[in-house]
PDB file of N, CA and C in Angstrom:
ATOM      1  N   UNK A   1      97.872 112.159 132.022  1.00  0.00           N
ATOM      2  CA  UNK A   1      98.643 113.137 132.771  1.00  0.00           C
ATOM      3  C   UNK A   1      98.751 114.415 131.936  1.00  0.00           C
ATOM      4  N   UNK A   2      98.337 115.520 132.481  1.00  0.00           N
ATOM      5  CA  UNK A   2      98.451 116.807 131.793  1.00  0.00           C
ATOM      6  C   UNK A   2      99.806 117.426 132.133  1.00  0.00           C
ATOM      7  N   UNK A   3     100.491 117.891 131.106  1.00  0.00           N
ATOM      8  CA  UNK A   3     101.781 118.535 131.333  1.00  0.00           C
ATOM      9  C   UNK A   3     101.563 119.916 131.922  1.00  0.00           C
ATOM     10  N   UNK A   4     102.389 120.270 132.892  1.00  0.00           N
ATOM     11  CA  UNK A   4     102.323 121.575 133.538  1.00  0.00           C
ATOM     12  C   UNK A   4     103.555 122.366 133.128  1.00  0.00           C
ATOM     13  N   UNK A   5     103.362 123.320 132.243  1.00  0.00           N
ATOM     14  CA  UNK A   5     104.487 124.075 131.697  1.00  0.00           C
ATOM     15  C   UNK A   5     104.998 125.165 132.630  1.00  0.00           C
ATOM     16  N   UNK A   6     104.439 125.247 133.837  1.00  0.00           N
ATOM     17  CA  UNK A   6     104.962 126.189 134.825  1.00  0.00           C
ATOM     18  C   UNK A   6     105.997 125.525 135.723  1.00  0.00           C
ATOM     19  N   UNK A   7     106.168 124.207 135.599  1.00  0.00           N
ATOM     20  CA  UNK A   7     107.173 123.491 136.382  1.00  0.00           C
ATOM     21  C   UNK A   7     108.456 123.383 135.565  1.00  0.00           C
ATOM     22  N   UNK A   8     109.595 123.204 136.233  1.00  0.00           N
ATOM     23  CA  UNK A   8     110.845 123.021 135.484  1.00  0.00           C
ATOM     24  C   UNK A   8     110.779 121.854 134.497  1.00  0.00           C
ATOM     25  N   UNK A   9     110.213 120.727 134.910  1.00  0.00           N
ATOM     26  CA  UNK A   9     110.111 119.577 134.005  1.00  0.00           C
ATOM     27  C   UNK A   9     109.236 119.908 132.799  1.00  0.00           C
ATOM     28  N   UNK A  10     108.129 120.584 133.020  1.00  0.00           N
ATOM     29  CA  UNK A  10     107.262 120.984 131.923  1.00  0.00           C
ATOM     30  C   UNK A  10     107.938 121.970 130.991  1.00  0.00           C
ATOM     31  N   UNK A  11     108.745 122.857 131.546  1.00  0.00           N
ATOM     32  CA  UNK A  11     109.456 123.842 130.732  1.00  0.00           C
ATOM     33  C   UNK A  11     110.547 123.183 129.891  1.00  0.00           C
ATOM     34  N   UNK A  12     111.204 122.153 130.447  1.00  0.00           N
ATOM     35  CA  UNK A  12     112.177 121.399 129.645  1.00  0.00           C
ATOM     36  C   UNK A  12     111.457 120.769 128.459  1.00  0.00           C
ATOM     37  N   UNK A  13     110.326 120.135 128.726  1.00  0.00           N
ATOM     38  CA  UNK A  13     109.557 119.513 127.636  1.00  0.00           C
ATOM     39  C   UNK A  13     109.144 120.550 126.594  1.00  0.00           C
ATOM     40  N   UNK A  14     108.737 121.723 127.042  1.00  0.00           N
ATOM     41  CA  UNK A  14     108.323 122.784 126.130  1.00  0.00           C
ATOM     42  C   UNK A  14     109.484 123.208 125.229  1.00  0.00           C
ATOM     43  N   UNK A  15     110.666 123.348 125.804  1.00  0.00           N
ATOM     44  CA  UNK A  15     111.832 123.782 125.031  1.00  0.00           C
ATOM     45  C   UNK A  15     112.310 122.733 124.032  1.00  0.00           C
ATOM     46  N   UNK A  16     112.072 121.463 124.309  1.00  0.00           N
ATOM     47  CA  UNK A  16     112.496 120.423 123.373  1.00  0.00           C
ATOM     48  C   UNK A  16     111.345 119.948 122.490  1.00  0.00           C
ATOM     49  N   UNK A  17     110.209 120.622 122.574  1.00  0.00           N
ATOM     50  CA  UNK A  17     109.012 120.286 121.792  1.00  0.00           C
ATOM     51  C   UNK A  17     108.512 118.874 122.079  1.00  0.00           C
ATOM     52  N   UNK A  18     108.647 118.452 123.318  1.00  0.00           N
ATOM     53  CA  UNK A  18     108.140 117.151 123.747  1.00  0.00           C
ATOM     54  C   UNK A  18     106.793 117.390 124.427  1.00  0.00           C
ATOM     55  N   UNK A  19     105.804 117.755 123.613  1.00  0.00           N
ATOM     56  CA  UNK A  19     104.525 118.215 124.162  1.00  0.00           C
ATOM     57  C   UNK A  19     103.319 117.366 123.756  1.00  0.00           C
ATOM     58  N   UNK A  20     103.545 116.330 122.965  1.00  0.00           N
ATOM     59  CA  UNK A  20     102.456 115.431 122.588  1.00  0.00           C
ATOM     60  C   UNK A  20     102.270 114.427 123.718  1.00  0.00           C
ATOM     61  N   UNK A  21     101.319 114.703 124.578  1.00  0.00           N
ATOM     62  CA  UNK A  21     101.145 113.911 125.795  1.00  0.00           C
ATOM     63  C   UNK A  21     100.895 112.431 125.514  1.00  0.00           C
ATOM     64  N   UNK A  22     100.365 112.102 124.357  1.00  0.00           N
ATOM     65  CA  UNK A  22     100.112 110.699 124.021  1.00  0.00           C
ATOM     66  C   UNK A  22     101.380 109.996 123.543  1.00  0.00           C
ATOM     67  N   UNK A  23     102.378 110.762 123.113  1.00  0.00           N
ATOM     68  CA  UNK A  23     103.605 110.183 122.548  1.00  0.00           C
ATOM     69  C   UNK A  23     104.836 110.960 123.016  1.00  0.00           C
ATOM     70  N   UNK A  24     105.075 111.006 124.307  1.00  0.00           N
ATOM     71  CA  UNK A  24     106.224 111.750 124.822  1.00  0.00           C
ATOM     72  C   UNK A  24     107.532 111.074 124.423  1.00  0.00           C
ATOM     73  N   UNK A  25     108.513 111.880 124.053  1.00  0.00           N
ATOM     74  CA  UNK A  25     109.834 111.356 123.702  1.00  0.00           C
ATOM     75  C   UNK A  25     110.615 110.941 124.944  1.00  0.00           C
ATOM     76  N   UNK A  26     110.478 111.714 126.001  1.00  0.00           N
ATOM     77  CA  UNK A  26     111.255 111.510 127.219  1.00  0.00           C
ATOM     78  C   UNK A  26     110.354 111.079 128.369  1.00  0.00           C
ATOM     79  N   UNK A  27     110.867 110.183 129.194  1.00  0.00           N
ATOM     80  CA  UNK A  27     110.125 109.818 130.395  1.00  0.00           C
ATOM     81  C   UNK A  27     110.301 110.922 131.430  1.00  0.00           C
ATOM     82  N   UNK A  28     109.459 110.934 132.421  1.00  0.00           N
ATOM     83  CA  UNK A  28     109.596 111.914 133.505  1.00  0.00           C
ATOM     84  C   UNK A  28     110.924 111.740 134.212  1.00  0.00           C
ATOM     85  N   UNK A  29     111.352 110.498 134.382  1.00  0.00           N
ATOM     86  CA  UNK A  29     112.639 110.237 135.034  1.00  0.00           C
ATOM     87  C   UNK A  29     113.798 110.822 134.225  1.00  0.00           C
ATOM     88  N   UNK A  30     113.716 110.733 132.895  1.00  0.00           N
ATOM     89  CA  UNK A  30     114.770 111.304 132.057  1.00  0.00           C
ATOM     90  C   UNK A  30     114.811 112.824 132.196  1.00  0.00           C
ATOM     91  N   UNK A  31     113.653 113.464 132.148  1.00  0.00           N
ATOM     92  CA  UNK A  31     113.595 114.923 132.289  1.00  0.00           C
ATOM     93  C   UNK A  31     114.160 115.327 133.651  1.00  0.00           C
ATOM     94  N   UNK A  32     113.748 114.616 134.696  1.00  0.00           N
ATOM     95  CA  UNK A  32     114.265 114.905 136.038  1.00  0.00           C
ATOM     96  C   UNK A  32     115.775 114.680 136.100  1.00  0.00           C
ATOM     97  N   UNK A  33     116.248 113.664 135.405  1.00  0.00           N
ATOM     98  CA  UNK A  33     117.686 113.400 135.351  1.00  0.00           C
ATOM     99  C   UNK A  33     118.453 114.525 134.699  1.00  0.00           C
ATOM    100  N   UNK A  34     117.952 115.044 133.579  1.00  0.00           N
ATOM    101  CA  UNK A  34     118.614 116.171 132.913  1.00  0.00           C
ATOM    102  C   UNK A  34     118.625 117.397 133.823  1.00  0.00           C
ATOM    103  N   UNK A  35     117.517 117.634 134.514  1.00  0.00           N
ATOM    104  CA  UNK A  35     117.468 118.758 135.455  1.00  0.00           C
ATOM    105  C   UNK A  35     118.490 118.571 136.565  1.00  0.00           C
ATOM    106  N   UNK A  36     118.610 117.366 137.092  1.00  0.00           N
ATOM    107  CA  UNK A  36     119.580 117.092 138.155  1.00  0.00           C
ATOM    108  C   UNK A  36     121.006 117.272 137.644  1.00  0.00           C
ATOM    109  N   UNK A  37     121.284 116.778 136.449  1.00  0.00           N
ATOM    110  CA  UNK A  37     122.628 116.913 135.877  1.00  0.00           C
ATOM    111  C   UNK A  37     123.032 118.371 135.665  1.00  0.00           C
ATOM    112  N   UNK A  38     122.054 119.206 135.370  1.00  0.00           N
ATOM    113  CA  UNK A  38     122.331 120.604 135.049  1.00  0.00           C
ATOM    114  C   UNK A  38     121.976 121.540 136.196  1.00  0.00           C
ATOM    115  N   UNK A  39     121.946 121.017 137.416  1.00  0.00           N
ATOM    116  CA  UNK A  39     121.740 121.859 138.590  1.00  0.00           C
ATOM    117  C   UNK A  39     120.398 122.574 138.627  1.00  0.00           C
ATOM    118  N   UNK A  40     119.399 122.003 137.981  1.00  0.00           N
ATOM    119  CA  UNK A  40     118.072 122.608 137.980  1.00  0.00           C
ATOM    120  C   UNK A  40     117.870 123.677 136.924  1.00  0.00           C
ATOM    121  N   UNK A  41     118.891 123.975 136.127  1.00  0.00           N
ATOM    122  CA  UNK A  41     118.764 124.992 135.090  1.00  0.00           C
ATOM    123  C   UNK A  41     117.960 124.414 133.925  1.00  0.00           C
ATOM    124  N   UNK A  42     116.788 124.987 133.693  1.00  0.00           N
ATOM    125  CA  UNK A  42     115.853 124.471 132.685  1.00  0.00           C
ATOM    126  C   UNK A  42     116.464 124.498 131.287  1.00  0.00           C
ATOM    127  N   UNK A  43     117.091 125.591 130.903  1.00  0.00           N
ATOM    128  CA  UNK A  43     117.634 125.694 129.545  1.00  0.00           C
ATOM    129  C   UNK A  43     118.798 124.735 129.341  1.00  0.00           C
ATOM    130  N   UNK A  44     119.659 124.574 130.349  1.00  0.00           N
ATOM    131  CA  UNK A  44     120.758 123.626 130.205  1.00  0.00           C
ATOM    132  C   UNK A  44     120.247 122.190 130.185  1.00  0.00           C
ATOM    133  N   UNK A  45     119.212 121.902 130.961  1.00  0.00           N
ATOM    134  CA  UNK A  45     118.615 120.572 130.942  1.00  0.00           C
ATOM    135  C   UNK A  45     118.000 120.300 129.571  1.00  0.00           C
ATOM    136  N   UNK A  46     117.333 121.291 129.006  1.00  0.00           N
ATOM    137  CA  UNK A  46     116.745 121.131 127.672  1.00  0.00           C
ATOM    138  C   UNK A  46     117.842 120.930 126.634  1.00  0.00           C
ATOM    139  N   UNK A  47     118.942 121.656 126.771  1.00  0.00           N
ATOM    140  CA  UNK A  47     120.066 121.502 125.837  1.00  0.00           C
ATOM    141  C   UNK A  47     120.634 120.085 125.921  1.00  0.00           C
ATOM    142  N   UNK A  48     120.776 119.564 127.125  1.00  0.00           N
ATOM    143  CA  UNK A  48     121.277 118.194 127.292  1.00  0.00           C
ATOM    144  C   UNK A  48     120.302 117.188 126.675  1.00  0.00           C
ATOM    145  N   UNK A  49     119.021 117.410 126.877  1.00  0.00           N
ATOM    146  CA  UNK A  49     118.010 116.523 126.291  1.00  0.00           C
ATOM    147  C   UNK A  49     118.065 116.583 124.766  1.00  0.00           C
ATOM    148  N   UNK A  50     118.201 117.775 124.211  1.00  0.00           N
ATOM    149  CA  UNK A  50     118.282 117.914 122.753  1.00  0.00           C
ATOM    150  C   UNK A  50     119.505 117.198 122.198  1.00  0.00           C
ATOM    151  N   UNK A  51     120.632 117.301 122.899  1.00  0.00           N
ATOM    152  CA  UNK A  51     121.831 116.594 122.452  1.00  0.00           C
ATOM    153  C   UNK A  51     121.605 115.082 122.450  1.00  0.00           C
ATOM    154  N   UNK A  52     120.936 114.571 123.478  1.00  0.00           N
ATOM    155  CA  UNK A  52     120.661 113.133 123.546  1.00  0.00           C
ATOM    156  C   UNK A  52     119.707 112.707 122.430  1.00  0.00           C
ATOM    157  N   UNK A  53     118.687 113.519 122.198  1.00  0.00           N
ATOM    158  CA  UNK A  53     117.741 113.219 121.117  1.00  0.00           C
ATOM    159  C   UNK A  53     118.455 113.263 119.768  1.00  0.00           C
ATOM    160  N   UNK A  54     119.356 114.237 119.597  1.00  0.00           N
ATOM    161  CA  UNK A  54     120.113 114.363 118.346  1.00  0.00           C
ATOM    162  C   UNK A  54     120.982 113.130 118.119  1.00  0.00           C
ATOM    163  N   UNK A  55     121.630 112.654 119.169  1.00  0.00           N
ATOM    164  CA  UNK A  55     122.467 111.455 119.035  1.00  0.00           C
ATOM    165  C   UNK A  55     121.622 110.257 118.629  1.00  0.00           C
ATOM    166  N   UNK A  56     120.477 110.117 119.237  1.00  0.00           N
ATOM    167  CA  UNK A  56     119.578 109.019 118.908  1.00  0.00           C
ATOM    168  C   UNK A  56     119.100 109.126 117.462  1.00  0.00           C
ATOM    169  N   UNK A  57     118.757 110.327 117.056  1.00  0.00           N
ATOM    170  CA  UNK A  57     118.273 110.558 115.687  1.00  0.00           C
ATOM    171  C   UNK A  57     119.349 110.206 114.673  1.00  0.00           C
ATOM    172  N   UNK A  58     120.579 110.614 114.939  1.00  0.00           N
ATOM    173  CA  UNK A  58     121.675 110.336 114.016  1.00  0.00           C
ATOM    174  C   UNK A  58     121.963 108.835 113.940  1.00  0.00           C
ATOM    175  N   UNK A  59     121.834 108.137 115.073  1.00  0.00           N
ATOM    176  CA  UNK A  59     122.098 106.704 115.094  1.00  0.00           C
ATOM    177  C   UNK A  59     120.994 105.893 114.428  1.00  0.00           C
ATOM    178  N   UNK A  60     119.752 106.286 114.665  1.00  0.00           N
ATOM    179  CA  UNK A  60     118.617 105.488 114.204  1.00  0.00           C
ATOM    180  C   UNK A  60     118.215 105.834 112.777  1.00  0.00           C
ATOM    181  N   UNK A  61     118.115 107.096 112.450  1.00  0.00           N
ATOM    182  CA  UNK A  61     117.523 107.500 111.175  1.00  0.00           C
ATOM    183  C   UNK A  61     118.471 107.423 109.993  1.00  0.00           C
ATOM    184  N   UNK A  62     119.721 107.728 110.200  1.00  0.00           N
ATOM    185  CA  UNK A  62     120.680 107.762 109.091  1.00  0.00           C
ATOM    186  C   UNK A  62     120.150 108.650 107.965  1.00  0.00           C
ATOM    187  N   UNK A  63     120.833 108.643 106.849  1.00  0.00           N
ATOM    188  CA  UNK A  63     120.349 109.366 105.673  1.00  0.00           C
ATOM    189  C   UNK A  63     119.928 108.322 104.650  1.00  0.00           C
ATOM    190  N   UNK A  64     118.634 108.292 104.376  1.00  0.00           N
ATOM    191  CA  UNK A  64     118.078 107.238 103.525  1.00  0.00           C
ATOM    192  C   UNK A  64     117.204 107.857 102.441  1.00  0.00           C
ATOM    193  N   UNK A  65     117.365 107.360 101.215  1.00  0.00           N
ATOM    194  CA  UNK A  65     116.471 107.717 100.118  1.00  0.00           C
ATOM    195  C   UNK A  65     115.960 106.421  99.505  1.00  0.00           C
ATOM    196  N   UNK A  66     114.644 106.321  99.424  1.00  0.00           N
ATOM    197  CA  UNK A  66     114.050 105.105  98.884  1.00  0.00           C
ATOM    198  C   UNK A  66     112.690 105.441  98.288  1.00  0.00           C
ATOM    199  N   UNK A  67     112.459 104.987  97.082  1.00  0.00           N
ATOM    200  CA  UNK A  67     111.181 105.163  96.393  1.00  0.00           C
ATOM    201  C   UNK A  67     110.716 106.621  96.393  1.00  0.00           C
ATOM    202  N   UNK A  68     111.644 107.522  96.134  1.00  0.00           N
ATOM    203  CA  UNK A  68     111.313 108.935  96.049  1.00  0.00           C
ATOM    204  C   UNK A  68     111.133 109.628  97.391  1.00  0.00           C
ATOM    205  N   UNK A  69     111.269 108.898  98.470  1.00  0.00           N
ATOM    206  CA  UNK A  69     111.149 109.472  99.822  1.00  0.00           C
ATOM    207  C   UNK A  69     112.534 109.482 100.456  1.00  0.00           C
ATOM    208  N   UNK A  70     112.774 110.460 101.308  1.00  0.00           N
ATOM    209  CA  UNK A  70     114.075 110.491 101.958  1.00  0.00           C
ATOM    210  C   UNK A  70     113.951 110.967 103.410  1.00  0.00           C
ATOM    211  N   UNK A  71     114.876 110.507 104.206  1.00  0.00           N
ATOM    212  CA  UNK A  71     115.025 110.990 105.570  1.00  0.00           C
ATOM    213  C   UNK A  71     116.481 111.391 105.730  1.00  0.00           C
ATOM    214  N   UNK A  72     116.721 112.366 106.562  1.00  0.00           N
ATOM    215  CA  UNK A  72     118.088 112.835 106.757  1.00  0.00           C
ATOM    216  C   UNK A  72     118.338 113.008 108.259  1.00  0.00           C
ATOM    217  N   UNK A  73     118.563 111.884 108.931  1.00  0.00           N
ATOM    218  CA  UNK A  73     118.818 111.895 110.365  1.00  0.00           C
ATOM    219  C   UNK A  73     119.958 112.806 110.766  1.00  0.00           C
ATOM    220  N   UNK A  74     121.092 112.776 110.039  1.00  0.00           N
ATOM    221  CA  UNK A  74     122.195 113.665 110.411  1.00  0.00           C
ATOM    222  C   UNK A  74     121.820 115.155 110.342  1.00  0.00           C
ATOM    223  N   UNK A  75     120.996 115.540 109.373  1.00  0.00           N
ATOM    224  CA  UNK A  75     120.571 116.945 109.279  1.00  0.00           C
ATOM    225  C   UNK A  75     119.651 117.308 110.442  1.00  0.00           C
ATOM    226  N   UNK A  76     118.747 116.397 110.793  1.00  0.00           N
ATOM    227  CA  UNK A  76     117.868 116.631 111.940  1.00  0.00           C
ATOM    228  C   UNK A  76     118.712 116.744 113.202  1.00  0.00           C
ATOM    229  N   UNK A  77     119.682 115.850 113.350  1.00  0.00           N
ATOM    230  CA  UNK A  77     120.558 115.876 114.520  1.00  0.00           C
ATOM    231  C   UNK A  77     121.329 117.190 114.594  1.00  0.00           C
ATOM    232  N   UNK A  78     121.830 117.654 113.458  1.00  0.00           N
ATOM    233  CA  UNK A  78     122.574 118.919 113.435  1.00  0.00           C
ATOM    234  C   UNK A  78     121.682 120.084 113.862  1.00  0.00           C
ATOM    235  N   UNK A  79     120.451 120.075 113.412  1.00  0.00           N
ATOM    236  CA  UNK A  79     119.511 121.124 113.792  1.00  0.00           C
ATOM    237  C   UNK A  79     119.223 121.095 115.297  1.00  0.00           C
ATOM    238  N   UNK A  80     119.034 119.895 115.849  1.00  0.00           N
ATOM    239  CA  UNK A  80     118.796 119.763 117.287  1.00  0.00           C
ATOM    240  C   UNK A  80     120.007 120.239 118.087  1.00  0.00           C
ATOM    241  N   UNK A  81     121.202 119.896 117.621  1.00  0.00           N
ATOM    242  CA  UNK A  81     122.420 120.337 118.313  1.00  0.00           C
ATOM    243  C   UNK A  81     122.580 121.854 118.233  1.00  0.00           C
ATOM    244  N   UNK A  82     122.162 122.442 117.118  1.00  0.00           N
ATOM    245  CA  UNK A  82     122.213 123.894 116.980  1.00  0.00           C
ATOM    246  C   UNK A  82     121.255 124.550 117.976  1.00  0.00           C
ATOM    247  N   UNK A  83     120.075 123.967 118.147  1.00  0.00           N
ATOM    248  CA  UNK A  83     119.121 124.484 119.122  1.00  0.00           C
ATOM    249  C   UNK A  83     119.683 124.352 120.533  1.00  0.00           C
ATOM    250  N   UNK A  84     120.353 123.238 120.832  1.00  0.00           N
ATOM    251  CA  UNK A  84     120.974 123.037 122.146  1.00  0.00           C
ATOM    252  C   UNK A  84     122.052 124.091 122.380  1.00  0.00           C
ATOM    253  N   UNK A  85     122.865 124.356 121.362  1.00  0.00           N
ATOM    254  CA  UNK A  85     123.919 125.372 121.486  1.00  0.00           C
ATOM    255  C   UNK A  85     123.318 126.754 121.726  1.00  0.00           C
ATOM    256  N   UNK A  86     122.204 127.037 121.069  1.00  0.00           N
ATOM    257  CA  UNK A  86     121.529 128.318 121.264  1.00  0.00           C
ATOM    258  C   UNK A  86     121.038 128.471 122.702  1.00  0.00           C
ATOM    259  N   UNK A  87     120.486 127.409 123.271  1.00  0.00           N
ATOM    260  CA  UNK A  87     120.032 127.471 124.670  1.00  0.00           C
ATOM    261  C   UNK A  87     121.213 127.689 125.609  1.00  0.00           C
ATOM    262  N   UNK A  88     122.323 127.009 125.351  1.00  0.00           N
ATOM    263  CA  UNK A  88     123.514 127.202 126.199  1.00  0.00           C
ATOM    264  C   UNK A  88     124.043 128.633 126.077  1.00  0.00           C
ATOM    265  N   UNK A  89     123.999 129.189 124.874  1.00  0.00           N
ATOM    266  CA  UNK A  89     124.442 130.568 124.669  1.00  0.00           C
ATOM    267  C   UNK A  89     123.540 131.535 125.428  1.00  0.00           C
ATOM    268  N   UNK A  90     122.232 131.286 125.424  1.00  0.00           N
ATOM    269  CA  UNK A  90     121.308 132.135 126.171  1.00  0.00           C
ATOM    270  C   UNK A  90     121.641 132.119 127.656  1.00  0.00           C
ATOM    271  N   UNK A  91     121.968 130.946 128.180  1.00  0.00           N
ATOM    272  CA  UNK A  91     122.333 130.837 129.592  1.00  0.00           C
ATOM    273  C   UNK A  91     123.629 131.608 129.845  1.00  0.00           C
ATOM    274  N   UNK A  92     124.610 131.447 128.967  1.00  0.00           N
ATOM    275  CA  UNK A  92     125.898 132.129 129.130  1.00  0.00           C
ATOM    276  C   UNK A  92     125.737 133.644 129.104  1.00  0.00           C
ATOM    277  N   UNK A  93     124.793 134.128 128.295  1.00  0.00           N
ATOM    278  CA  UNK A  93     124.565 135.567 128.176  1.00  0.00           C
ATOM    279  C   UNK A  93     123.546 136.087 129.179  1.00  0.00           C
ATOM    280  N   UNK A  94     122.929 135.184 129.943  1.00  0.00           N
ATOM    281  CA  UNK A  94     121.955 135.603 130.947  1.00  0.00           C
ATOM    282  C   UNK A  94     120.605 135.974 130.366  1.00  0.00           C
ATOM    283  N   UNK A  95     120.309 135.534 129.138  1.00  0.00           N
ATOM    284  CA  UNK A  95     119.031 135.849 128.513  1.00  0.00           C
ATOM    285  C   UNK A  95     117.907 135.181 129.304  1.00  0.00           C
ATOM    286  N   UNK A  96     116.942 135.985 129.737  1.00  0.00           N
ATOM    287  CA  UNK A  96     115.813 135.469 130.489  1.00  0.00           C
ATOM    288  C   UNK A  96     116.104 135.229 131.952  1.00  0.00           C
ATOM    289  N   UNK A  97     117.300 135.591 132.403  1.00  0.00           N
ATOM    290  CA  UNK A  97     117.679 135.388 133.803  1.00  0.00           C
ATOM    291  C   UNK A  97     117.574 136.727 134.520  1.00  0.00           C
ATOM    292  N   UNK A  98     116.549 136.856 135.346  1.00  0.00           N
ATOM    293  CA  UNK A  98     116.322 138.121 136.045  1.00  0.00           C
ATOM    294  C   UNK A  98     117.397 138.437 137.072  1.00  0.00           C
ATOM    295  N   UNK A  99     118.201 137.447 137.452  1.00  0.00           N
ATOM    296  CA  UNK A  99     119.204 137.661 138.479  1.00  0.00           C
ATOM    297  C   UNK A  99     120.521 138.197 137.924  1.00  0.00           C
ATOM    298  N   UNK A 100     120.721 138.125 136.621  1.00  0.00           N
ATOM    299  CA  UNK A 100     121.990 138.534 136.042  1.00  0.00           C
ATOM    300  C   UNK A 100     122.166 140.038 136.146  1.00  0.00           C
ATOM    301  N   UNK A 101     123.311 140.457 136.637  1.00  0.00           N
ATOM    302  CA  UNK A 101     123.650 141.867 136.687  1.00  0.00           C
ATOM    303  C   UNK A 101     123.218 142.594 137.944  1.00  0.00           C
ATOM    304  N   UNK A 102     122.541 141.945 138.837  1.00  0.00           N
ATOM    305  CA  UNK A 102     122.079 142.604 140.043  1.00  0.00           C
ATOM    306  C   UNK A 102     122.497 141.820 141.276  1.00  0.00           C
ATOM    307  N   UNK A 103     123.008 142.532 142.261  1.00  0.00           N
ATOM    308  CA  UNK A 103     123.332 141.933 143.547  1.00  0.00           C
ATOM    309  C   UNK A 103     122.618 142.723 144.622  1.00  0.00           C
ATOM    310  N   UNK A 104     122.162 142.039 145.630  1.00  0.00           N
ATOM    311  CA  UNK A 104     121.566 142.705 146.782  1.00  0.00           C
ATOM    312  C   UNK A 104     122.677 142.880 147.806  1.00  0.00           C
ATOM    313  N   UNK A 105     122.900 144.115 148.204  1.00  0.00           N
ATOM    314  CA  UNK A 105     123.964 144.406 149.165  1.00  0.00           C
ATOM    315  C   UNK A 105     123.393 145.205 150.325  1.00  0.00           C
ATOM    316  N   UNK A 106     124.051 145.091 151.451  1.00  0.00           N
ATOM    317  CA  UNK A 106     123.663 145.905 152.599  1.00  0.00           C
ATOM    318  C   UNK A 106     124.058 147.345 152.338  1.00  0.00           C
ATOM    319  N   UNK A 107     123.205 148.248 152.715  1.00  0.00           N
ATOM    320  CA  UNK A 107     123.491 149.674 152.534  1.00  0.00           C
ATOM    321  C   UNK A 107     123.598 150.340 153.891  1.00  0.00           C
ATOM    322  N   UNK A 108     124.702 151.019 154.109  1.00  0.00           N
ATOM    323  CA  UNK A 108     124.913 151.773 155.337  1.00  0.00           C
ATOM    324  C   UNK A 108     125.272 153.199 154.926  1.00  0.00           C
ATOM    325  N   UNK A 109     124.350 154.160 155.086  1.00  0.00           N
ATOM    326  CA  UNK A 109     124.621 155.529 154.639  1.00  0.00           C
ATOM    327  C   UNK A 109     125.727 156.199 155.453  1.00  0.00           C
ATOM    328  N   UNK A 110     126.091 155.619 156.575  1.00  0.00           N
ATOM    329  CA  UNK A 110     127.125 156.215 157.416  1.00  0.00           C
ATOM    330  C   UNK A 110     128.505 155.649 157.129  1.00  0.00           C
ATOM    331  N   UNK A 111     128.589 154.720 156.190  1.00  0.00           N
ATOM    332  CA  UNK A 111     129.863 154.123 155.844  1.00  0.00           C
ATOM    333  C   UNK A 111     130.474 154.950 154.716  1.00  0.00           C
ATOM    334  N   UNK A 112     131.664 155.445 154.930  1.00  0.00           N
ATOM    335  CA  UNK A 112     132.335 156.282 153.930  1.00  0.00           C
ATOM    336  C   UNK A 112     132.829 155.459 152.758  1.00  0.00           C
ATOM    337  N   UNK A 113     133.299 156.147 151.728  1.00  0.00           N
ATOM    338  CA  UNK A 113     133.771 155.469 150.526  1.00  0.00           C
ATOM    339  C   UNK A 113     134.952 154.540 150.803  1.00  0.00           C
ATOM    340  N   UNK A 114     135.771 154.860 151.748  1.00  0.00           N
ATOM    341  CA  UNK A 114     136.955 154.048 152.013  1.00  0.00           C
ATOM    342  C   UNK A 114     136.667 152.906 152.990  1.00  0.00           C
ATOM    343  N   UNK A 115     135.436 152.791 153.420  1.00  0.00           N
ATOM    344  CA  UNK A 115     135.088 151.696 154.301  1.00  0.00           C
ATOM    345  C   UNK A 115     135.122 152.081 155.770  1.00  0.00           C
ATOM    346  N   UNK A 116     135.445 153.307 156.084  1.00  0.00           N
ATOM    347  CA  UNK A 116     135.482 153.755 157.476  1.00  0.00           C
ATOM    348  C   UNK A 116     134.183 154.440 157.819  1.00  0.00           C
ATOM    349  N   UNK A 117     133.772 154.262 159.052  1.00  0.00           N
ATOM    350  CA  UNK A 117     132.555 154.944 159.510  1.00  0.00           C
ATOM    351  C   UNK A 117     132.872 156.429 159.668  1.00  0.00           C
ATOM    352  N   UNK A 118     131.912 157.228 159.285  1.00  0.00           N
ATOM    353  CA  UNK A 118     132.053 158.685 159.420  1.00  0.00           C
ATOM    354  C   UNK A 118     131.722 159.136 160.806  1.00  0.00           C
TER     355      UNK A 118
END
């Protein structure tokens, strides 16, 4: 299955770096679930996915040092949560949202400033 990064599900995968088609972190059902939970908002769905991945990383990896090698699951989790927070901040600020700041309104040139017809 080739990932399509023009779809919302593909864009969620792109934002969470889940792009190795042979070893995907998330199932399609999980990605669709995050999109459903977040009302179809790709960045919020990606943020939710990152939080879930961070929780899993913190639970599974722990902080381990053995034979000169180390892993730091909590640090990885913190980084993922920071990325999730950044995506949520972008949504809050309207970054990348072409609809923010613009409304389409009916225009009537004969309607005066006070709302009365001239």
